[in-house]
Amino acid sequence: MRTHPNHAGVHVAWVQAWLPSARPETALESAELLPSLVPAGSPALLAAGRLLLRVGKAVDANRILESAVTADDAYLARESLPLDVAPSADTALRLLSEGCVEVGQYRGAQAWARRLRQRVEASGGQPQAVLFAATTLVAAHLRFGFSRAAAEVPMELGDAATIAEAGLRDAVRLYAKGVCALETGRLGDVERACGTLDALVNTLSEAPRSEGRALCARDVARTVEVAAQELRGTLDARRGDSGRAEAALTRALRLERRLRPVGPALFCRPPRETLARVRLRSGREEKALELALERAGERPGCGHCMLLVAEAHVACECMSEAEHDFAVVLDLWRDADPHLPGLQRARGFAARGHRGRTALRRVPDVASVDTAPVPRGGGAPWTVHGA
């Protein structure tokens, strides 16, 4: 860094070194410099976008990630190469959807997931690529509370799917249907979903390791186990057994920390946020606030995390802190979709003069969703939340 301050490779290495650490902001200057050093280098742009997203600069991150997709498309056209050899585009599109989720843009998240699905289908529709595109949309639906839409996302993989790919597909479907059943009070169905997920974990754990870039069944097993424990913890909380709920969710947290970066992305709701909400409902407000602050520290630009911090401060009767937190939420979600229940709660708190818990506007946790089936394929719109 001292001897070659404008060497793109040095800055890429610096960004990648700090990206998984607890202080990613150390490489922020390098991430901001890379687009000017290598405007057509999609791997470098992808690294810069990842770090900016990690430090809470979602708008800047999305701009750079879009340029990574553009750079890949230009490279493929120039060299007459197929879509499936693009080095960064698929990952960049998944991150673009994630960035929209964090700033409250549900429709934007769907649009990027739809574009990823179209790209995958145009490149031949390999099962692993189809699955990653589908789970990108599933994660967006679940993040905004639309579990029925998540359960209806098509994930046809064909006969060529491996044990790992089929296992991840089945797990995503089971989890989404389990969340749907939980919301409608069908606790027996949730219990069966948890049992099936546990059995799937055992099956995947015993499968042979995969080679090369193929999805590894054991990595899938770890991800599925986190989802299974998160769903079981939510079920136990719904039954009023806060002790068992805490145990299951704490286990989910520990398992999440052991996930390998090369494995599939976590598709379930964040266990730390679920545990924090369980503690809020069971009267352990200070412990809930502690968890919420930890989560917000990891994702400083995520409006969902800051909303949880604000509501935990309200529960702890820390109204001045809550006022600040809700202001941060409104700033992070200044371009968010207006129908979001969390956005309405934040506006309601400000409009009612911050008068204790009653200042939180009562709005449904899940907004109404169209009953029309989710379109199949990549050609039709995937939006399921009204016009």
Protein backbone atom coordinates (compact mmCIF):
# COMPACT_ATOMS: atom_id res chain seq x y z
CA MET A 1 0.00 0.00 0.00
CA ARG A 2 2.89 2.37 0.75
CA THR A 3 5.04 1.58 -2.27
CA HIS A 4 2.29 1.03 -4.87
CA PRO A 5 -0.66 3.21 -3.79
CA ASN A 6 -2.36 3.03 -7.21
CA HIS A 7 -1.88 -0.68 -7.90
CA ALA A 8 -5.34 -2.20 -8.41
CA GLY A 9 -4.24 -5.67 -7.35
CA VAL A 10 -2.96 -4.32 -4.03
CA HIS A 11 -6.30 -2.62 -3.32
CA VAL A 12 -8.27 -5.73 -4.27
CA ALA A 13 -6.15 -7.82 -1.89
CA TRP A 14 -6.60 -5.22 0.86
CA VAL A 15 -10.39 -5.20 0.40
CA GLN A 16 -10.60 -8.99 0.41
CA ALA A 17 -8.41 -9.21 3.51
CA TRP A 18 -10.66 -6.90 5.55
CA LEU A 19 -14.02 -7.98 4.12
CA PRO A 20 -14.67 -10.90 6.52
CA SER A 21 -13.20 -9.10 9.54
CA ALA A 22 -14.90 -7.17 12.30
CA ARG A 23 -13.49 -3.90 10.88
CA PRO A 24 -14.27 -3.89 7.15
CA GLU A 25 -14.28 -0.08 7.16
CA THR A 26 -10.45 -0.27 7.27
CA ALA A 27 -10.53 -1.02 3.53
CA LEU A 28 -13.26 1.48 2.66
CA GLU A 29 -10.88 3.89 0.93
CA SER A 30 -9.57 1.10 -1.29
CA ALA A 31 -13.10 -0.03 -2.17
CA GLU A 32 -14.04 3.49 -3.18
CA LEU A 33 -10.88 3.86 -5.26
CA LEU A 34 -11.15 0.60 -7.23
CA PRO A 35 -13.89 1.69 -9.70
CA SER A 36 -11.61 4.44 -11.00
CA LEU A 37 -8.55 2.15 -11.15
CA VAL A 38 -10.22 -0.77 -12.97
CA PRO A 39 -13.60 0.36 -14.33
CA ALA A 40 -13.84 -2.74 -16.55
CA GLY A 41 -12.54 -5.28 -14.03
CA SER A 42 -15.64 -7.02 -12.71
CA PRO A 43 -13.89 -9.12 -9.99
CA ALA A 44 -12.41 -5.95 -8.51
CA LEU A 45 -15.76 -4.15 -8.75
CA LEU A 46 -17.48 -7.12 -7.10
CA ALA A 47 -15.03 -6.99 -4.17
CA ALA A 48 -15.56 -3.25 -3.79
CA GLY A 49 -19.35 -3.63 -3.90
CA ARG A 50 -19.28 -6.38 -1.28
CA LEU A 51 -17.32 -4.23 1.14
CA LEU A 52 -19.47 -1.14 0.61
CA LEU A 53 -22.58 -3.22 1.25
CA ARG A 54 -20.99 -4.61 4.41
CA VAL A 55 -20.25 -1.14 5.82
CA GLY A 56 -23.75 0.16 5.13
CA LYS A 57 -23.27 2.08 1.89
CA ALA A 58 -25.96 0.21 -0.04
CA VAL A 59 -26.59 2.91 -2.64
CA ASP A 60 -22.90 3.20 -3.57
CA ALA A 61 -22.54 -0.58 -3.45
CA ASN A 62 -25.42 -1.10 -5.87
CA ARG A 63 -23.98 1.44 -8.28
CA ILE A 64 -20.65 -0.42 -8.35
CA LEU A 65 -22.30 -3.84 -8.56
CA GLU A 66 -24.35 -2.67 -11.54
CA SER A 67 -21.12 -1.62 -13.23
CA ALA A 68 -19.70 -5.11 -12.52
CA VAL A 69 -22.62 -6.68 -14.40
CA THR A 70 -22.15 -4.20 -17.26
CA ALA A 71 -18.43 -4.94 -17.40
CA ASP A 72 -19.08 -8.68 -17.60
CA ASP A 73 -21.63 -8.26 -20.38
CA ALA A 74 -19.20 -6.11 -22.37
CA TYR A 75 -16.44 -8.67 -21.86
CA LEU A 76 -18.63 -11.57 -23.03
CA ALA A 77 -19.79 -9.64 -26.10
CA ARG A 78 -16.26 -8.61 -27.01
CA GLU A 79 -14.87 -12.15 -26.72
CA SER A 80 -18.02 -13.94 -28.05
CA LEU A 81 -18.30 -16.03 -24.88
CA PRO A 82 -21.39 -17.66 -23.34
CA LEU A 83 -23.17 -16.17 -20.32
CA ASP A 84 -22.19 -18.93 -17.93
CA VAL A 85 -18.49 -17.96 -17.98
CA ALA A 86 -19.06 -14.42 -16.71
CA PRO A 87 -16.79 -14.10 -13.65
CA SER A 88 -18.93 -11.84 -11.47
CA ALA A 89 -22.36 -11.07 -12.89
CA ASP A 90 -24.43 -13.74 -11.10
CA THR A 91 -22.96 -12.92 -7.69
CA ALA A 92 -23.32 -9.20 -8.34
CA LEU A 93 -27.01 -9.63 -9.19
CA ARG A 94 -27.61 -11.56 -5.96
CA LEU A 95 -25.89 -8.79 -4.00
CA LEU A 96 -27.93 -6.14 -5.82
CA SER A 97 -31.11 -7.84 -4.65
CA GLU A 98 -29.70 -8.02 -1.12
CA GLY A 99 -28.80 -4.33 -1.21
CA CYS A 100 -32.36 -3.41 -2.21
CA VAL A 101 -33.67 -5.51 0.67
CA GLU A 102 -31.58 -3.60 3.19
CA VAL A 103 -32.88 -0.20 2.06
CA GLY A 104 -36.49 -1.37 2.01
CA GLN A 105 -36.97 -1.72 -1.74
CA TYR A 106 -38.99 -4.91 -2.06
CA ARG A 107 -39.87 -4.35 -5.69
CA GLY A 108 -36.26 -3.55 -6.54
CA ALA A 109 -35.09 -6.75 -4.85
CA GLN A 110 -37.57 -8.73 -6.93
CA ALA A 111 -36.48 -7.00 -10.13
CA TRP A 112 -32.82 -7.95 -9.63
CA ALA A 113 -33.77 -11.51 -8.70
CA ARG A 114 -35.90 -11.71 -11.85
CA ARG A 115 -33.00 -10.46 -13.96
CA LEU A 116 -30.74 -13.07 -12.40
CA ARG A 117 -33.29 -15.80 -13.18
CA GLN A 118 -33.54 -14.63 -16.79
CA ARG A 119 -29.76 -14.68 -17.11
CA VAL A 120 -29.54 -18.20 -15.67
CA GLU A 121 -32.22 -19.50 -18.00
CA ALA A 122 -30.55 -17.86 -21.01
CA SER A 123 -27.27 -19.58 -20.13
CA GLY A 124 -28.81 -23.06 -20.11
CA GLY A 125 -30.40 -23.28 -16.68
CA GLN A 126 -27.86 -25.35 -14.77
CA PRO A 127 -29.52 -26.67 -11.57
CA GLN A 128 -27.15 -24.95 -9.14
CA ALA A 129 -27.51 -21.59 -10.88
CA VAL A 130 -31.31 -21.95 -11.04
CA LEU A 131 -31.39 -22.77 -7.34
CA PHE A 132 -29.24 -19.79 -6.33
CA ALA A 133 -31.40 -17.47 -8.41
CA ALA A 134 -34.58 -18.85 -6.84
CA THR A 135 -33.27 -18.62 -3.28
CA THR A 136 -32.34 -14.99 -3.91
CA LEU A 137 -36.02 -14.24 -4.44
CA VAL A 138 -37.10 -16.50 -1.56
CA ALA A 139 -34.81 -14.61 0.82
CA ALA A 140 -36.26 -11.27 -0.32
CA HIS A 141 -39.84 -12.46 0.21
CA LEU A 142 -39.06 -13.83 3.67
CA ARG A 143 -37.21 -10.67 4.70
CA PHE A 144 -40.32 -8.60 4.06
CA GLY A 145 -42.63 -11.15 5.66
CA PHE A 146 -44.22 -12.59 2.52
CA SER A 147 -43.88 -16.27 3.36
CA ARG A 148 -46.61 -17.50 1.03
CA ALA A 149 -44.88 -15.82 -1.91
CA ALA A 150 -41.60 -17.43 -0.82
CA ALA A 151 -43.24 -20.87 -0.77
CA GLU A 152 -44.53 -20.39 -4.33
CA VAL A 153 -41.22 -19.50 -5.99
CA PRO A 154 -40.58 -22.10 -8.74
CA MET A 155 -37.46 -24.24 -8.30
CA GLU A 156 -37.57 -26.90 -11.02
CA LEU A 157 -34.10 -28.43 -11.25
CA GLY A 158 -34.69 -31.39 -13.58
CA ASP A 159 -33.21 -34.87 -13.35
CA ALA A 160 -29.62 -33.61 -13.41
CA ALA A 161 -29.77 -32.18 -9.88
CA THR A 162 -27.28 -33.55 -7.36
CA ILE A 163 -28.11 -34.66 -3.82
CA ALA A 164 -26.92 -31.29 -2.51
CA GLU A 165 -29.01 -29.29 -4.99
CA ALA A 166 -32.16 -31.33 -4.44
CA GLY A 167 -31.64 -31.16 -0.69
CA LEU A 168 -31.33 -27.39 -0.67
CA ARG A 169 -34.42 -27.03 -2.87
CA ASP A 170 -36.45 -29.27 -0.56
CA ALA A 171 -35.22 -27.45 2.51
CA VAL A 172 -36.14 -24.02 1.15
CA ARG A 173 -39.64 -25.25 0.28
CA LEU A 174 -40.12 -26.93 3.66
CA TYR A 175 -38.95 -23.87 5.57
CA ALA A 176 -41.14 -21.43 3.61
CA LYS A 177 -44.19 -23.68 4.01
CA GLY A 178 -43.41 -24.04 7.71
CA VAL A 179 -43.38 -20.25 8.14
CA CYS A 180 -46.70 -20.06 6.26
CA ALA A 181 -48.20 -22.68 8.57
CA LEU A 182 -46.91 -20.81 11.61
CA GLU A 183 -48.59 -17.59 10.49
CA THR A 184 -51.94 -19.35 10.07
CA GLY A 185 -51.74 -21.23 13.38
CA ARG A 186 -51.21 -24.72 11.93
CA LEU A 187 -48.61 -25.68 14.53
CA GLY A 188 -48.80 -29.39 13.74
CA ASP A 189 -47.70 -28.67 10.18
CA VAL A 190 -44.81 -26.59 11.50
CA GLU A 191 -43.75 -29.44 13.78
CA ARG A 192 -43.75 -31.85 10.84
CA ALA A 193 -41.72 -29.39 8.75
CA CYS A 194 -39.13 -29.16 11.54
CA GLY A 195 -38.91 -32.96 11.76
CA THR A 196 -38.46 -33.31 8.01
CA LEU A 197 -35.78 -30.63 7.99
CA ASP A 198 -33.92 -32.46 10.78
CA ALA A 199 -34.07 -35.71 8.78
CA LEU A 200 -32.82 -33.88 5.70
CA VAL A 201 -29.84 -32.54 7.67
CA ASN A 202 -28.87 -36.10 8.62
CA THR A 203 -29.16 -37.31 5.02
CA LEU A 204 -27.06 -34.46 3.63
CA SER A 205 -24.44 -34.78 6.37
CA GLU A 206 -23.80 -38.39 5.37
CA ALA A 207 -23.42 -37.63 1.64
CA PRO A 208 -19.92 -37.60 0.07
CA ARG A 209 -18.07 -34.32 -0.28
CA SER A 210 -18.31 -32.54 -3.61
CA GLU A 211 -15.36 -31.62 -5.77
CA GLY A 212 -14.56 -28.44 -7.68
CA ARG A 213 -17.23 -25.75 -7.76
CA ALA A 214 -20.13 -28.15 -7.23
CA LEU A 215 -22.38 -27.48 -4.25
CA CYS A 216 -21.28 -29.61 -1.30
CA ALA A 217 -23.98 -31.58 0.50
CA ARG A 218 -22.32 -31.04 3.87
CA ASP A 219 -22.30 -27.27 3.40
CA VAL A 220 -25.99 -27.49 2.51
CA ALA A 221 -26.58 -29.54 5.67
CA ARG A 222 -25.07 -26.78 7.82
CA THR A 223 -27.27 -24.12 6.21
CA VAL A 224 -30.40 -26.28 6.52
CA GLU A 225 -29.66 -26.99 10.18
CA VAL A 226 -29.59 -23.25 10.94
CA ALA A 227 -32.97 -22.84 9.23
CA ALA A 228 -34.43 -25.85 11.06
CA GLN A 229 -33.36 -24.53 14.46
CA GLU A 230 -34.65 -21.03 13.67
CA LEU A 231 -38.05 -22.44 12.68
CA ARG A 232 -38.20 -24.67 15.74
CA GLY A 233 -37.30 -21.78 18.02
CA THR A 234 -40.08 -19.68 16.51
CA LEU A 235 -42.51 -22.58 16.97
CA ASP A 236 -41.54 -23.03 20.63
CA ALA A 237 -41.99 -19.29 21.21
CA ARG A 238 -45.45 -19.46 19.62
CA ARG A 239 -46.34 -22.27 22.03
CA GLY A 240 -45.24 -20.10 24.95
CA ASP A 241 -42.13 -22.11 25.84
CA SER A 242 -39.56 -19.32 25.87
CA GLY A 243 -36.87 -21.54 27.43
CA ARG A 244 -36.94 -24.08 24.61
CA ALA A 245 -37.20 -21.25 22.07
CA GLU A 246 -34.07 -19.59 23.48
CA ALA A 247 -32.17 -22.89 23.38
CA ALA A 248 -33.08 -23.59 19.75
CA LEU A 249 -32.31 -20.07 18.58
CA THR A 250 -29.03 -19.94 20.49
CA ARG A 251 -28.04 -23.17 18.76
CA ALA A 252 -29.00 -21.60 15.41
CA LEU A 253 -26.72 -18.64 16.21
CA ARG A 254 -23.78 -20.91 16.99
CA LEU A 255 -24.34 -22.95 13.85
CA GLU A 256 -24.56 -19.79 11.76
CA ARG A 257 -21.11 -18.69 12.92
CA ARG A 258 -19.66 -21.99 11.67
CA LEU A 259 -21.00 -21.69 8.11
CA ARG A 260 -18.30 -21.77 5.45
CA PRO A 261 -18.13 -18.82 3.04
CA VAL A 262 -18.11 -21.22 0.08
CA GLY A 263 -21.44 -22.73 1.08
CA PRO A 264 -24.93 -21.62 0.05
CA ALA A 265 -26.29 -18.35 1.41
CA LEU A 266 -28.54 -18.53 4.45
CA PHE A 267 -32.14 -18.40 3.23
CA CYS A 268 -34.00 -18.28 6.56
CA ARG A 269 -34.73 -15.27 8.75
CA PRO A 270 -31.66 -14.07 10.70
CA PRO A 271 -31.56 -16.15 13.94
CA ARG A 272 -30.21 -13.24 16.00
CA GLU A 273 -33.16 -11.05 15.04
CA THR A 274 -35.62 -13.86 15.74
CA LEU A 275 -34.06 -14.43 19.16
CA ALA A 276 -34.19 -10.71 19.93
CA ARG A 277 -37.92 -10.58 19.09
CA VAL A 278 -38.58 -13.65 21.22
CA ARG A 279 -36.85 -11.94 24.14
CA LEU A 280 -38.89 -8.80 23.61
CA ARG A 281 -42.10 -10.81 23.83
CA SER A 282 -40.93 -12.73 26.92
CA GLY A 283 -40.02 -9.62 28.92
CA ARG A 284 -36.22 -9.75 28.52
CA GLU A 285 -35.93 -6.36 26.90
CA GLU A 286 -32.33 -5.59 27.87
CA LYS A 287 -31.05 -8.89 26.47
CA ALA A 288 -33.06 -8.27 23.32
CA LEU A 289 -31.52 -4.82 22.95
CA GLU A 290 -28.04 -6.27 23.34
CA LEU A 291 -28.66 -8.72 20.49
CA ALA A 292 -30.27 -6.06 18.31
CA LEU A 293 -27.28 -3.76 18.73
CA GLU A 294 -24.89 -6.57 17.80
CA ARG A 295 -26.85 -7.30 14.66
CA ALA A 296 -27.06 -3.64 13.65
CA GLY A 297 -23.30 -3.34 14.16
CA GLU A 298 -22.79 -6.11 11.63
CA ARG A 299 -25.16 -4.54 9.07
CA PRO A 300 -25.00 -0.77 9.72
CA GLY A 301 -26.93 0.13 6.56
CA CYS A 302 -29.80 -2.30 7.07
CA GLY A 303 -33.10 -0.60 7.94
CA HIS A 304 -34.55 -3.88 9.23
CA CYS A 305 -31.78 -4.15 11.83
CA MET A 306 -32.14 -0.54 12.94
CA LEU A 307 -35.91 -0.95 13.22
CA LEU A 308 -35.33 -3.82 15.65
CA VAL A 309 -32.93 -1.65 17.68
CA ALA A 310 -35.50 1.16 17.80
CA GLU A 311 -38.29 -1.12 18.98
CA ALA A 312 -36.01 -2.67 21.59
CA HIS A 313 -35.21 0.82 22.90
CA VAL A 314 -38.94 1.55 23.10
CA ALA A 315 -39.44 -1.66 25.08
CA CYS A 316 -36.65 -0.56 27.45
CA GLU A 317 -38.30 2.88 27.81
CA CYS A 318 -35.21 4.56 26.33
CA MET A 319 -37.24 7.04 24.32
CA SER A 320 -34.50 9.47 23.32
CA GLU A 321 -32.44 6.60 21.90
CA ALA A 322 -35.54 5.23 20.17
CA GLU A 323 -36.22 8.63 18.62
CA HIS A 324 -32.70 8.66 17.17
CA ASP A 325 -33.03 5.08 15.93
CA PHE A 326 -36.34 5.69 14.18
CA ALA A 327 -34.82 8.75 12.52
CA VAL A 328 -32.01 6.52 11.23
CA VAL A 329 -34.58 4.02 9.94
CA LEU A 330 -36.43 6.77 8.07
CA ASP A 331 -33.16 7.97 6.56
CA LEU A 332 -32.10 4.48 5.49
CA TRP A 333 -35.56 3.86 4.05
CA ARG A 334 -36.03 7.27 2.45
CA ASP A 335 -36.49 5.55 -0.94
CA ALA A 336 -38.22 2.45 0.43
CA ASP A 337 -41.49 1.05 -0.84
CA PRO A 338 -44.19 3.01 1.00
CA HIS A 339 -46.30 -0.02 1.96
CA LEU A 340 -43.71 -1.48 4.38
CA PRO A 341 -45.21 -2.06 7.85
CA GLY A 342 -41.88 -1.19 9.49
CA LEU A 343 -41.74 2.12 7.65
CA GLN A 344 -45.27 2.89 8.81
CA ARG A 345 -44.32 2.11 12.41
CA ALA A 346 -41.31 4.44 12.20
CA ARG A 347 -43.47 7.24 10.77
CA GLY A 348 -46.14 6.58 13.36
CA PHE A 349 -43.62 6.91 16.18
CA ALA A 350 -42.47 10.30 14.87
CA ALA A 351 -46.03 11.50 14.26
CA ARG A 352 -47.22 10.61 17.75
CA GLY A 353 -44.55 12.56 19.58
CA HIS A 354 -42.59 9.53 20.86
CA ARG A 355 -45.02 8.85 23.74
CA GLY A 356 -43.79 5.50 25.04
CA ARG A 357 -44.92 2.17 23.65
CA THR A 358 -48.25 3.56 22.55
CA ALA A 359 -46.39 5.72 20.07
CA LEU A 360 -45.72 2.66 17.95
CA ARG A 361 -48.42 2.51 15.36
CA ARG A 362 -50.24 -0.81 15.21
CA VAL A 363 -49.92 -2.12 11.68
CA PRO A 364 -49.98 -5.72 10.48
CA ASP A 365 -46.62 -7.48 10.42
CA VAL A 366 -47.41 -8.81 6.97
CA ALA A 367 -49.12 -6.69 4.35
CA SER A 368 -51.70 -8.19 2.01
CA VAL A 369 -50.34 -10.27 -0.83
CA ASP A 370 -51.99 -11.02 -4.14
CA THR A 371 -53.56 -14.47 -4.42
CA ALA A 372 -52.43 -14.96 -8.02
CA PRO A 373 -49.82 -17.71 -8.49
CA VAL A 374 -46.22 -16.69 -8.98
CA PRO A 375 -45.33 -16.72 -12.70
CA ARG A 376 -42.99 -19.47 -13.80
CA GLY A 377 -39.85 -18.83 -15.80
CA GLY A 378 -37.95 -15.63 -16.23
CA GLY A 379 -40.05 -13.85 -18.80
CA ALA A 380 -43.02 -12.70 -16.73
CA PRO A 381 -42.98 -10.32 -13.74
CA TRP A 382 -42.38 -11.93 -10.38
CA THR A 383 -44.01 -9.20 -8.33
CA VAL A 384 -46.60 -10.70 -6.01
CA HIS A 385 -47.35 -7.65 -3.92
CA GLY A 386 -50.00 -5.77 -5.81
CA ALA A 387 -49.46 -3.10 -8.43
